[in-house]
N, C-alpha and C. Protein backbone atom coordinates (compact mmCIF):
# COMPACT_ATOMS: atom_id res chain seq x y z
N GLY A 1 -12.45 -27.88 -25.88
CA GLY A 1 -13.52 -28.61 -25.21
C GLY A 1 -14.79 -27.99 -25.28
N VAL A 2 -15.80 -28.73 -24.97
CA VAL A 2 -17.17 -28.18 -25.13
C VAL A 2 -17.71 -28.14 -23.64
N LEU A 3 -18.50 -27.21 -23.34
CA LEU A 3 -18.96 -26.76 -22.01
C LEU A 3 -20.58 -26.72 -22.42
N LEU A 4 -21.39 -27.72 -21.69
CA LEU A 4 -22.86 -27.60 -21.90
C LEU A 4 -23.32 -27.32 -20.42
N ALA A 5 -24.36 -26.52 -20.16
CA ALA A 5 -24.82 -26.37 -18.94
C ALA A 5 -26.37 -26.06 -18.99
N HIS A 6 -27.13 -26.81 -18.12
CA HIS A 6 -28.47 -26.79 -18.21
C HIS A 6 -28.98 -26.77 -16.86
N GLY A 7 -30.12 -26.17 -16.59
CA GLY A 7 -30.74 -26.01 -15.38
C GLY A 7 -31.41 -24.75 -14.98
N PRO A 8 -32.02 -24.45 -13.97
CA PRO A 8 -32.75 -23.21 -13.54
C PRO A 8 -31.61 -22.01 -13.28
N ASP A 9 -30.41 -22.43 -12.92
CA ASP A 9 -29.58 -21.36 -12.43
C ASP A 9 -28.55 -20.84 -13.62
N PHE A 10 -28.73 -21.44 -14.79
CA PHE A 10 -28.05 -21.13 -15.91
C PHE A 10 -28.73 -20.18 -16.94
N ALA A 11 -28.15 -19.32 -17.53
CA ALA A 11 -28.78 -18.30 -18.38
C ALA A 11 -28.94 -18.97 -19.80
N SER A 12 -29.99 -18.76 -20.55
CA SER A 12 -30.11 -19.41 -21.92
C SER A 12 -29.11 -18.66 -22.82
N GLY A 13 -28.82 -19.35 -24.00
CA GLY A 13 -27.97 -18.83 -25.00
C GLY A 13 -26.65 -19.41 -24.98
N ARG A 14 -25.67 -18.74 -25.60
CA ARG A 14 -24.34 -19.15 -25.76
C ARG A 14 -23.28 -18.24 -25.17
N VAL A 15 -22.34 -18.89 -24.48
CA VAL A 15 -21.23 -18.17 -23.81
C VAL A 15 -20.15 -18.17 -25.05
N VAL A 16 -19.71 -16.86 -25.35
CA VAL A 16 -18.75 -16.66 -26.41
C VAL A 16 -17.45 -17.13 -26.12
N HIS A 17 -16.99 -16.84 -24.95
CA HIS A 17 -15.45 -16.88 -24.62
C HIS A 17 -15.38 -17.45 -23.17
N THR A 18 -15.00 -18.65 -22.92
CA THR A 18 -14.65 -18.87 -21.56
C THR A 18 -13.56 -19.95 -21.62
N THR A 19 -12.71 -20.14 -20.42
CA THR A 19 -11.58 -21.04 -20.52
C THR A 19 -11.74 -22.04 -19.41
N ILE A 20 -10.92 -23.11 -19.45
CA ILE A 20 -11.02 -24.04 -18.34
C ILE A 20 -10.79 -23.65 -17.07
N MET A 21 -10.31 -22.59 -16.99
CA MET A 21 -9.91 -21.89 -15.65
C MET A 21 -11.20 -21.32 -14.95
N GLU A 22 -12.17 -21.14 -15.65
CA GLU A 22 -13.57 -20.60 -15.05
C GLU A 22 -14.31 -21.67 -14.58
N ILE A 23 -14.03 -22.96 -14.90
CA ILE A 23 -14.87 -24.08 -14.56
C ILE A 23 -15.04 -24.28 -13.03
N PHE A 24 -13.93 -24.35 -12.26
CA PHE A 24 -13.87 -24.74 -10.86
C PHE A 24 -14.49 -23.50 -10.15
N PRO A 25 -14.11 -22.21 -10.21
CA PRO A 25 -14.67 -21.11 -9.65
C PRO A 25 -16.16 -20.98 -9.79
N THR A 26 -16.72 -21.32 -10.99
CA THR A 26 -18.05 -21.26 -11.26
C THR A 26 -18.71 -22.44 -10.55
N LEU A 27 -18.27 -23.54 -10.70
CA LEU A 27 -19.00 -24.77 -9.93
C LEU A 27 -18.88 -24.52 -8.46
N ALA A 28 -17.78 -24.01 -7.78
CA ALA A 28 -17.86 -23.69 -6.46
C ALA A 28 -18.78 -22.67 -6.02
N TYR A 29 -19.05 -21.65 -6.78
CA TYR A 29 -20.19 -20.62 -6.67
C TYR A 29 -21.47 -21.18 -6.70
N LEU A 30 -21.76 -22.02 -7.73
CA LEU A 30 -22.92 -22.66 -7.77
C LEU A 30 -23.33 -23.65 -6.69
N LEU A 31 -22.33 -24.16 -6.00
CA LEU A 31 -22.57 -25.06 -4.74
C LEU A 31 -22.29 -24.42 -3.43
N ASP A 32 -22.30 -23.06 -3.62
CA ASP A 32 -22.15 -22.17 -2.29
C ASP A 32 -20.86 -22.52 -1.56
N LEU A 33 -19.87 -22.74 -2.31
CA LEU A 33 -18.39 -23.16 -1.73
C LEU A 33 -17.59 -21.84 -1.78
N PRO A 34 -16.83 -21.53 -0.75
CA PRO A 34 -15.99 -20.32 -1.00
C PRO A 34 -14.95 -20.57 -2.01
N ILE A 35 -14.46 -19.50 -2.68
CA ILE A 35 -13.57 -19.64 -3.66
C ILE A 35 -12.21 -19.00 -3.21
N SER A 36 -11.12 -19.78 -3.31
CA SER A 36 -9.87 -19.40 -2.86
C SER A 36 -9.20 -18.22 -3.63
N ASP A 37 -8.59 -17.30 -3.13
CA ASP A 37 -7.92 -16.17 -3.83
C ASP A 37 -6.68 -16.56 -4.61
N VAL A 38 -6.13 -17.94 -4.32
CA VAL A 38 -5.00 -18.32 -4.93
C VAL A 38 -5.24 -19.14 -6.35
N ILE A 39 -6.34 -19.46 -6.52
CA ILE A 39 -6.73 -20.25 -7.64
C ILE A 39 -6.86 -19.34 -8.98
N PRO A 40 -6.43 -19.74 -10.07
CA PRO A 40 -6.50 -18.95 -11.43
C PRO A 40 -8.04 -19.03 -11.81
N GLY A 41 -8.50 -18.09 -12.56
CA GLY A 41 -9.85 -18.07 -12.97
C GLY A 41 -10.73 -17.26 -12.20
N THR A 42 -11.97 -16.99 -12.79
CA THR A 42 -13.02 -16.37 -12.25
C THR A 42 -14.40 -17.03 -12.44
N ILE A 43 -15.34 -16.54 -11.65
CA ILE A 43 -16.74 -17.05 -11.95
C ILE A 43 -17.26 -16.51 -13.36
N GLU A 44 -17.66 -17.39 -14.15
CA GLU A 44 -18.34 -17.25 -15.37
C GLU A 44 -19.68 -16.70 -15.23
N PHE A 45 -19.87 -15.42 -14.92
CA PHE A 45 -21.22 -14.99 -14.76
C PHE A 45 -22.15 -14.91 -15.98
N ASP A 46 -21.48 -14.74 -17.21
CA ASP A 46 -22.46 -14.90 -18.34
C ASP A 46 -22.99 -16.19 -18.59
N LEU A 47 -22.59 -17.17 -17.84
CA LEU A 47 -23.23 -18.41 -17.96
C LEU A 47 -24.42 -18.63 -17.03
N LEU A 48 -24.50 -17.74 -16.29
CA LEU A 48 -25.50 -17.90 -14.98
C LEU A 48 -26.62 -16.87 -15.30
N ASP A 49 -27.89 -17.42 -14.61
CA ASP A 49 -29.08 -16.76 -14.72
C ASP A 49 -29.11 -15.49 -13.78
N GLU A 50 -29.34 -14.31 -14.16
CA GLU A 50 -29.33 -13.05 -13.56
C GLU A 50 -30.00 -13.19 -12.12
N ARG A 51 -31.12 -13.95 -12.08
CA ARG A 51 -31.90 -14.23 -10.73
C ARG A 51 -31.11 -14.81 -9.70
N PHE A 52 -30.24 -15.90 -10.26
CA PHE A 52 -29.45 -16.65 -9.33
C PHE A 52 -28.31 -15.78 -8.82
N THR A 53 -27.55 -15.05 -9.58
CA THR A 53 -26.58 -14.20 -9.08
C THR A 53 -26.96 -12.92 -8.33
N ALA A 54 -28.23 -12.51 -8.50
CA ALA A 54 -28.71 -11.36 -7.69
C ALA A 54 -29.20 -11.92 -6.19
N GLU A 55 -29.42 -13.35 -6.13
CA GLU A 55 -29.76 -13.65 -4.85
C GLU A 55 -28.65 -14.47 -4.09
N HIS A 56 -27.40 -14.68 -4.87
CA HIS A 56 -26.25 -15.50 -4.28
C HIS A 56 -25.01 -14.69 -4.49
N ALA A 57 -24.59 -14.19 -3.42
CA ALA A 57 -23.27 -13.41 -3.45
C ALA A 57 -22.14 -14.53 -3.36
N PRO A 58 -21.13 -14.42 -4.10
CA PRO A 58 -19.89 -15.26 -4.05
C PRO A 58 -19.16 -15.21 -2.79
N ARG A 59 -18.71 -16.29 -2.30
CA ARG A 59 -17.78 -16.08 -1.07
C ARG A 59 -16.35 -16.46 -1.43
N TYR A 60 -15.46 -15.72 -0.75
CA TYR A 60 -14.07 -15.91 -1.00
C TYR A 60 -13.25 -16.19 0.23
N VAL A 61 -12.17 -16.99 0.18
CA VAL A 61 -11.44 -17.34 1.19
C VAL A 61 -9.89 -17.06 0.62
N GLU A 62 -8.93 -16.90 1.53
CA GLU A 62 -7.52 -16.48 1.18
C GLU A 62 -7.06 -17.72 0.47
N ARG A 63 -7.10 -18.82 1.21
CA ARG A 63 -6.72 -20.23 0.72
C ARG A 63 -7.42 -21.20 1.41
N TYR A 64 -7.41 -22.32 0.90
CA TYR A 64 -8.12 -23.57 1.43
C TYR A 64 -7.33 -24.19 2.41
N GLU A 65 -7.94 -24.42 3.47
CA GLU A 65 -7.18 -25.26 4.53
C GLU A 65 -7.75 -26.61 4.68
N LEU A 66 -7.11 -27.57 3.98
CA LEU A 66 -7.30 -28.81 3.97
C LEU A 66 -6.83 -29.80 4.97
N ASP A 67 -7.61 -30.55 5.51
CA ASP A 67 -7.27 -31.54 6.59
C ASP A 67 -7.26 -32.86 5.76
N TRP A 68 -6.24 -33.24 5.08
CA TRP A 68 -6.25 -34.54 4.32
C TRP A 68 -4.99 -35.43 4.68
N LYS A 69 -5.07 -36.60 4.41
CA LYS A 69 -4.00 -37.39 4.63
C LYS A 69 -3.76 -38.25 3.35
N PRO A 70 -2.58 -38.42 2.97
CA PRO A 70 -2.25 -39.17 1.73
C PRO A 70 -2.91 -40.67 1.74
N VAL A 71 -3.32 -40.98 0.61
CA VAL A 71 -3.77 -42.42 0.57
C VAL A 71 -2.75 -43.35 0.78
N GLU A 72 -2.86 -44.34 1.74
CA GLU A 72 -1.98 -45.50 1.84
C GLU A 72 -1.46 -46.09 0.49
N SER A 73 -0.11 -46.22 0.39
CA SER A 73 0.22 -46.77 -0.84
C SER A 73 0.13 -48.29 -0.72
N ARG A 74 -0.11 -48.82 -1.77
CA ARG A 74 -0.33 -50.25 -2.09
C ARG A 74 0.51 -50.72 -3.10
N ASP A 75 0.95 -51.98 -3.01
CA ASP A 75 1.77 -52.64 -3.84
C ASP A 75 0.93 -52.98 -5.20
N ILE A 76 1.60 -52.71 -6.40
CA ILE A 76 0.94 -53.18 -7.57
C ILE A 76 1.99 -53.99 -8.22
N ASP A 77 1.49 -55.33 -8.69
CA ASP A 77 2.51 -56.07 -9.40
C ASP A 77 2.85 -55.47 -10.68
N GLU A 78 4.28 -55.93 -11.01
CA GLU A 78 4.87 -55.25 -12.20
C GLU A 78 4.08 -55.66 -13.53
N ALA A 79 3.45 -56.82 -13.56
CA ALA A 79 2.81 -57.18 -14.69
C ALA A 79 1.60 -56.21 -15.04
N SER A 80 0.76 -55.90 -14.01
CA SER A 80 -0.22 -55.19 -13.99
C SER A 80 0.01 -53.69 -14.47
N GLN A 81 1.14 -53.25 -13.81
CA GLN A 81 1.57 -51.87 -14.02
C GLN A 81 2.09 -51.79 -15.57
N ARG A 82 2.88 -52.83 -15.96
CA ARG A 82 3.44 -52.73 -17.30
C ARG A 82 2.24 -52.80 -18.35
N GLU A 83 1.22 -53.58 -18.15
CA GLU A 83 0.01 -53.69 -18.85
C GLU A 83 -0.70 -52.32 -18.99
N GLN A 84 -0.80 -51.48 -17.97
CA GLN A 84 -1.32 -50.22 -17.86
C GLN A 84 -0.55 -49.18 -18.54
N MET A 85 0.60 -49.17 -18.40
CA MET A 85 1.68 -48.41 -19.10
C MET A 85 1.55 -48.62 -20.63
N ASN A 86 1.60 -49.82 -21.07
CA ASN A 86 1.50 -50.10 -22.42
C ASN A 86 0.17 -49.68 -22.93
N SER A 87 -0.93 -49.69 -22.39
CA SER A 87 -2.21 -49.33 -22.77
C SER A 87 -2.18 -47.78 -23.01
N LEU A 88 -1.75 -47.10 -21.93
CA LEU A 88 -1.53 -45.58 -22.10
C LEU A 88 -0.66 -45.23 -23.21
N GLN A 89 0.47 -45.71 -23.24
CA GLN A 89 1.44 -45.40 -24.48
C GLN A 89 0.85 -45.73 -25.72
N GLY A 90 0.06 -46.86 -25.79
CA GLY A 90 -0.64 -47.23 -27.13
C GLY A 90 -1.58 -46.18 -27.55
N LEU A 91 -2.27 -45.54 -26.44
CA LEU A 91 -3.37 -44.45 -26.82
C LEU A 91 -2.73 -43.21 -27.07
N GLY A 92 -1.40 -42.96 -26.79
CA GLY A 92 -0.71 -41.82 -26.97
C GLY A 92 -0.71 -40.91 -25.87
N TYR A 93 -1.20 -41.42 -24.56
CA TYR A 93 -1.18 -40.34 -23.51
C TYR A 93 0.22 -40.20 -22.80
N ILE A 94 1.02 -41.37 -22.89
CA ILE A 94 2.26 -41.18 -22.38
C ILE A 94 3.23 -41.61 -23.42
N GLY A 95 4.51 -40.88 -23.42
CA GLY A 95 5.43 -41.08 -24.40
C GLY A 95 6.41 -42.10 -23.93
N GLU A 96 7.22 -42.52 -24.92
CA GLU A 96 8.38 -43.66 -24.54
C GLU A 96 9.20 -43.21 -23.56
N GLY A 97 9.57 -41.93 -23.24
CA GLY A 97 10.47 -41.66 -22.15
C GLY A 97 10.05 -41.88 -20.77
N VAL A 98 8.73 -42.06 -20.41
CA VAL A 98 8.28 -42.39 -19.27
C VAL A 98 8.53 -43.89 -18.79
N GLN A 99 8.98 -44.09 -17.58
CA GLN A 99 9.38 -45.46 -17.08
C GLN A 99 8.40 -46.03 -16.13
N LEU A 100 8.32 -47.26 -15.97
CA LEU A 100 7.57 -47.91 -14.97
C LEU A 100 8.14 -47.48 -13.50
N ALA A 101 7.40 -47.63 -12.67
CA ALA A 101 7.74 -47.42 -11.21
C ALA A 101 9.14 -48.27 -11.01
N ASP A 102 9.84 -47.75 -9.95
CA ASP A 102 11.24 -48.69 -9.73
C ASP A 102 10.69 -49.57 -8.69
N GLU A 103 11.64 -50.40 -8.20
CA GLU A 103 11.41 -51.64 -7.26
C GLU A 103 10.79 -50.99 -5.93
N GLY A 104 11.11 -49.91 -5.55
CA GLY A 104 10.64 -49.26 -4.37
C GLY A 104 9.10 -48.92 -4.39
N GLY A 105 8.57 -48.96 -5.69
CA GLY A 105 7.20 -48.60 -5.80
C GLY A 105 6.86 -47.26 -6.15
N THR A 106 7.78 -46.32 -6.32
CA THR A 106 7.76 -44.94 -6.51
C THR A 106 7.96 -44.62 -7.95
N ALA A 107 7.13 -43.92 -8.66
CA ALA A 107 7.38 -43.66 -10.10
C ALA A 107 7.80 -42.09 -10.17
N SER A 108 8.61 -41.98 -11.18
CA SER A 108 9.05 -40.55 -11.58
C SER A 108 9.01 -40.44 -12.83
N ALA A 109 8.50 -39.27 -13.38
CA ALA A 109 8.33 -38.95 -14.76
C ALA A 109 8.84 -37.66 -14.97
N ASP A 110 9.67 -37.49 -16.02
CA ASP A 110 10.15 -36.25 -16.28
C ASP A 110 9.34 -35.44 -17.42
N PHE A 111 8.70 -34.42 -17.05
CA PHE A 111 7.98 -33.63 -18.06
C PHE A 111 8.49 -33.60 -19.48
N TRP A 112 9.80 -33.17 -19.31
CA TRP A 112 10.50 -32.98 -20.68
C TRP A 112 10.79 -34.28 -21.44
N ASN A 113 10.58 -35.39 -20.99
CA ASN A 113 10.71 -36.64 -21.69
C ASN A 113 9.44 -37.10 -22.31
N TYR A 114 8.25 -36.26 -22.06
CA TYR A 114 7.10 -36.71 -22.65
C TYR A 114 7.16 -36.46 -24.14
N GLU A 115 6.09 -36.96 -24.74
CA GLU A 115 6.13 -36.63 -26.21
C GLU A 115 6.25 -35.25 -26.43
N PRO A 116 6.96 -34.73 -27.44
CA PRO A 116 7.26 -33.34 -27.77
C PRO A 116 5.94 -32.41 -27.95
N GLU A 117 5.12 -33.06 -28.78
CA GLU A 117 3.71 -32.62 -29.13
C GLU A 117 2.85 -32.30 -27.73
N LEU A 118 2.88 -33.13 -26.80
CA LEU A 118 2.26 -33.05 -25.51
C LEU A 118 2.84 -31.91 -24.67
N VAL A 119 4.13 -31.76 -24.72
CA VAL A 119 4.83 -30.72 -24.07
C VAL A 119 4.46 -29.27 -24.61
N VAL A 120 4.40 -29.28 -25.90
CA VAL A 120 4.11 -28.02 -26.62
C VAL A 120 2.63 -27.62 -26.34
N ARG A 121 1.61 -28.57 -26.50
CA ARG A 121 0.23 -28.38 -26.20
C ARG A 121 0.01 -27.86 -24.87
N THR A 122 0.65 -28.57 -23.85
CA THR A 122 0.44 -27.99 -22.46
C THR A 122 0.91 -26.70 -22.26
N LEU A 123 2.13 -26.32 -22.71
CA LEU A 123 2.79 -25.05 -22.47
C LEU A 123 2.15 -23.92 -23.13
N HIS A 124 1.85 -24.26 -24.58
CA HIS A 124 1.15 -23.20 -25.26
C HIS A 124 -0.18 -22.81 -24.72
N ALA A 125 -0.84 -23.55 -24.06
CA ALA A 125 -2.05 -23.39 -23.60
C ALA A 125 -1.89 -22.40 -22.34
N ASP A 126 -0.84 -22.64 -21.56
CA ASP A 126 -0.59 -21.93 -20.20
C ASP A 126 -0.26 -20.60 -20.78
N ALA A 127 0.70 -20.45 -21.70
CA ALA A 127 1.22 -19.09 -22.21
C ALA A 127 0.15 -18.29 -22.85
N THR A 128 -0.77 -18.88 -23.63
CA THR A 128 -1.86 -18.24 -24.24
C THR A 128 -2.86 -17.72 -23.28
N TYR A 129 -3.14 -18.43 -22.21
CA TYR A 129 -4.05 -17.99 -21.15
C TYR A 129 -3.37 -16.77 -20.47
N TYR A 130 -2.12 -16.90 -20.21
CA TYR A 130 -1.29 -15.68 -19.52
C TYR A 130 -1.58 -14.40 -20.38
N LEU A 131 -1.26 -14.55 -21.74
CA LEU A 131 -1.17 -13.46 -22.80
C LEU A 131 -2.61 -12.83 -22.77
N LEU A 132 -3.62 -13.86 -22.63
CA LEU A 132 -4.96 -13.16 -22.83
C LEU A 132 -5.41 -12.53 -21.63
N GLN A 133 -4.84 -12.87 -20.28
CA GLN A 133 -5.11 -12.27 -19.09
C GLN A 133 -4.15 -11.06 -18.81
N GLY A 134 -3.18 -10.75 -19.83
CA GLY A 134 -2.39 -9.72 -19.64
C GLY A 134 -1.23 -9.74 -18.67
N ASP A 135 -1.02 -11.11 -18.29
CA ASP A 135 0.08 -11.53 -17.44
C ASP A 135 1.34 -11.87 -18.08
N VAL A 136 2.17 -10.93 -18.79
CA VAL A 136 3.17 -11.10 -19.80
C VAL A 136 4.32 -11.77 -19.02
N ASP A 137 4.44 -11.27 -17.59
CA ASP A 137 5.52 -11.86 -16.83
C ASP A 137 5.56 -13.48 -16.86
N ALA A 138 4.13 -13.85 -16.52
CA ALA A 138 3.89 -15.35 -16.33
C ALA A 138 4.20 -16.02 -17.75
N ALA A 139 3.45 -15.44 -18.83
CA ALA A 139 3.85 -16.02 -20.14
C ALA A 139 5.31 -16.01 -20.42
N ASP A 140 6.21 -15.11 -20.08
CA ASP A 140 7.56 -15.03 -20.19
C ASP A 140 8.20 -16.36 -19.50
N ARG A 141 7.73 -16.48 -18.43
CA ARG A 141 8.29 -17.64 -17.53
C ARG A 141 8.15 -19.04 -18.23
N VAL A 142 6.92 -19.15 -18.83
CA VAL A 142 6.58 -20.41 -19.45
C VAL A 142 7.61 -20.55 -20.75
N ALA A 143 7.78 -19.43 -21.51
CA ALA A 143 8.66 -19.43 -22.59
C ALA A 143 10.12 -19.89 -22.16
N GLU A 144 10.58 -19.07 -20.98
CA GLU A 144 11.93 -19.28 -20.67
C GLU A 144 12.13 -20.72 -20.11
N THR A 145 11.24 -21.35 -19.56
CA THR A 145 11.29 -22.80 -19.03
C THR A 145 11.41 -23.61 -20.08
N LEU A 146 10.67 -23.39 -21.27
CA LEU A 146 10.74 -24.16 -22.46
C LEU A 146 12.10 -24.02 -23.14
N ARG A 147 12.55 -22.71 -23.23
CA ARG A 147 13.85 -22.57 -23.83
C ARG A 147 15.03 -23.32 -23.21
N ARG A 148 15.02 -23.29 -21.84
CA ARG A 148 15.94 -24.00 -21.01
C ARG A 148 15.97 -25.49 -21.19
N ASN A 149 14.69 -26.03 -21.29
CA ASN A 149 14.64 -27.45 -21.28
C ASN A 149 14.59 -28.13 -22.61
N ALA A 150 14.03 -27.49 -23.51
CA ALA A 150 13.65 -28.16 -25.03
C ALA A 150 13.54 -26.98 -25.95
N PRO A 151 14.74 -26.19 -26.34
CA PRO A 151 14.64 -25.15 -27.06
C PRO A 151 14.22 -25.55 -28.50
N GLU A 152 14.35 -26.59 -29.01
CA GLU A 152 14.09 -27.16 -30.22
C GLU A 152 12.51 -27.07 -30.60
N LEU A 153 11.71 -26.93 -29.30
CA LEU A 153 10.29 -26.77 -29.46
C LEU A 153 9.68 -25.58 -29.62
N MET A 154 10.48 -24.58 -29.43
CA MET A 154 10.17 -23.11 -29.45
C MET A 154 9.40 -22.64 -30.71
N PRO A 155 9.76 -23.09 -31.82
CA PRO A 155 9.08 -22.61 -33.01
C PRO A 155 7.61 -23.20 -32.94
N ASN A 156 7.46 -24.42 -32.76
CA ASN A 156 6.11 -25.04 -32.68
C ASN A 156 5.33 -24.41 -31.63
N PHE A 157 5.80 -24.06 -30.55
CA PHE A 157 5.25 -23.38 -29.28
C PHE A 157 4.70 -21.92 -29.66
N LEU A 158 5.51 -21.27 -30.40
CA LEU A 158 5.15 -19.86 -30.87
C LEU A 158 4.16 -19.92 -31.91
N THR A 159 4.32 -20.83 -32.78
CA THR A 159 3.18 -21.07 -33.99
C THR A 159 1.98 -21.28 -33.28
N ARG A 160 1.73 -22.27 -32.43
CA ARG A 160 0.62 -22.59 -31.72
C ARG A 160 0.01 -21.49 -30.86
N ILE A 161 0.75 -20.77 -30.42
CA ILE A 161 0.27 -19.41 -29.53
C ILE A 161 -0.31 -18.53 -30.67
N ARG A 162 0.39 -18.32 -31.88
CA ARG A 162 -0.07 -17.41 -32.66
C ARG A 162 -1.37 -17.86 -33.32
N HIS A 163 -1.53 -19.10 -33.67
CA HIS A 163 -2.84 -19.56 -34.29
C HIS A 163 -3.94 -19.37 -33.19
N LYS A 164 -3.55 -19.82 -31.85
CA LYS A 164 -4.79 -19.57 -30.85
C LYS A 164 -5.10 -18.03 -30.60
N ILE A 165 -4.18 -17.29 -30.51
CA ILE A 165 -4.56 -15.71 -30.29
C ILE A 165 -5.21 -15.26 -31.55
N GLU A 166 -4.68 -15.61 -32.87
CA GLU A 166 -5.36 -15.03 -34.02
C GLU A 166 -6.89 -15.52 -34.03
N ALA A 167 -7.25 -16.77 -33.59
CA ALA A 167 -8.39 -17.30 -33.58
C ALA A 167 -9.26 -16.56 -32.45
N PHE A 168 -8.82 -16.34 -31.34
CA PHE A 168 -9.53 -15.44 -30.29
C PHE A 168 -9.90 -14.21 -30.89
N ARG A 169 -8.90 -13.54 -31.48
CA ARG A 169 -9.08 -12.27 -32.10
C ARG A 169 -10.19 -12.30 -33.19
N ALA A 170 -10.21 -13.26 -33.96
CA ALA A 170 -11.23 -13.36 -35.06
C ALA A 170 -12.66 -13.72 -34.57
N ASP A 171 -12.65 -14.70 -33.59
CA ASP A 171 -13.89 -15.32 -33.08
C ASP A 171 -14.66 -14.52 -32.02
N VAL A 172 -13.93 -13.74 -31.26
CA VAL A 172 -14.57 -13.09 -30.11
C VAL A 172 -14.90 -11.70 -30.46
N PRO A 173 -16.26 -11.29 -30.24
CA PRO A 173 -16.80 -10.00 -30.62
C PRO A 173 -15.83 -8.97 -29.89
N GLY A 174 -15.19 -8.01 -30.68
CA GLY A 174 -14.28 -6.88 -30.04
C GLY A 174 -13.05 -7.55 -29.67
N GLY A 175 -12.72 -8.82 -30.21
CA GLY A 175 -11.59 -9.55 -29.71
C GLY A 175 -10.29 -8.92 -30.36
N ALA A 176 -10.27 -7.97 -31.51
CA ALA A 176 -9.29 -7.60 -32.23
C ALA A 176 -8.05 -7.02 -31.33
N ASP A 177 -8.39 -6.58 -30.25
CA ASP A 177 -7.42 -6.00 -29.20
C ASP A 177 -7.10 -7.04 -28.05
N MET A 178 -7.38 -8.12 -28.13
CA MET A 178 -6.96 -9.22 -27.10
C MET A 178 -5.46 -9.44 -27.28
N ALA A 179 -4.95 -9.70 -26.09
CA ALA A 179 -3.57 -9.97 -25.81
C ALA A 179 -2.62 -9.01 -26.68
N PRO A 180 -2.68 -7.67 -26.33
CA PRO A 180 -1.89 -6.80 -27.08
C PRO A 180 -0.40 -6.85 -26.98
N ALA A 181 -0.05 -7.67 -25.87
CA ALA A 181 1.63 -7.79 -25.87
C ALA A 181 1.94 -9.12 -26.67
N PHE A 182 1.17 -9.59 -27.52
CA PHE A 182 1.43 -10.87 -28.07
C PHE A 182 2.67 -10.77 -29.16
N GLU A 183 2.52 -9.72 -29.83
CA GLU A 183 3.67 -9.63 -31.04
C GLU A 183 4.89 -9.47 -30.49
N ALA A 184 5.04 -8.60 -29.43
CA ALA A 184 6.40 -8.44 -28.74
C ALA A 184 6.89 -9.78 -28.06
N TYR A 185 5.83 -10.45 -27.61
CA TYR A 185 6.17 -11.69 -26.95
C TYR A 185 6.81 -12.59 -27.98
N VAL A 186 6.22 -12.82 -29.11
CA VAL A 186 6.70 -13.68 -30.20
C VAL A 186 8.12 -13.18 -30.66
N GLN A 187 8.29 -12.00 -30.93
CA GLN A 187 9.50 -11.42 -31.19
C GLN A 187 10.65 -11.67 -30.09
N ARG A 188 10.28 -11.57 -28.84
CA ARG A 188 11.39 -11.65 -27.81
C ARG A 188 11.70 -13.06 -27.68
N HIS A 189 10.85 -14.05 -28.05
CA HIS A 189 11.12 -15.42 -27.66
C HIS A 189 11.42 -16.29 -28.99
N ALA A 190 11.35 -15.50 -30.06
CA ALA A 190 11.79 -16.14 -31.43
C ALA A 190 13.13 -16.87 -31.34
N PRO A 191 13.25 -17.95 -31.82
CA PRO A 191 14.51 -18.64 -31.87
C PRO A 191 15.59 -17.85 -32.53
N GLY A 192 16.68 -17.94 -31.80
CA GLY A 192 17.92 -17.08 -32.37
C GLY A 192 18.01 -15.76 -31.63
N ARG A 193 16.95 -15.38 -30.90
CA ARG A 193 17.02 -14.28 -29.88
C ARG A 193 17.42 -14.63 -28.59
N ALA A 194 18.34 -13.70 -27.88
CA ALA A 194 18.76 -14.09 -26.66
C ALA A 194 17.75 -13.88 -25.67
N GLY A 195 17.62 -15.02 -24.68
CA GLY A 195 16.38 -14.98 -23.80
C GLY A 195 16.72 -14.42 -22.51
């Protein structure tokens, strides 16, 4: 993805490394909204002007207390629903394993029936993030979930993580030491190894 920021509260220049996890906390901070302790990611201070950060202390809360009600369900005719589903499948967003909502109007989709490439892209991003953050237990849980549900995808999963970590190590100044547990992680989860 690409992140562009402009305005008096932003620093000039380029931020070398940020993840999607920093977007929400940073936006909440800019809007003077409290940041929940339970959300992943942190404020991307390198993106912000020092004058702004000196004048505005971030606010934190343990968790958000939301008073919301679910949107009233409404009936959608099957022809419209099928047309939308065909459009999303044609664009490659939804795989063939996902079905239309049943007669009762509730849809169910099994993540493991999505296109294998989408499953791998989603899970490798999660595991890579955890490895970069040093949370090996969380990265292990991602790999074990994949091993239980779609073990045939494990080689692609590990290859994608290897490429991503190696890119970070090469592109980020001082990044050679990023994700130090990565090699052991790959060996532990390599196909053929007991999980």
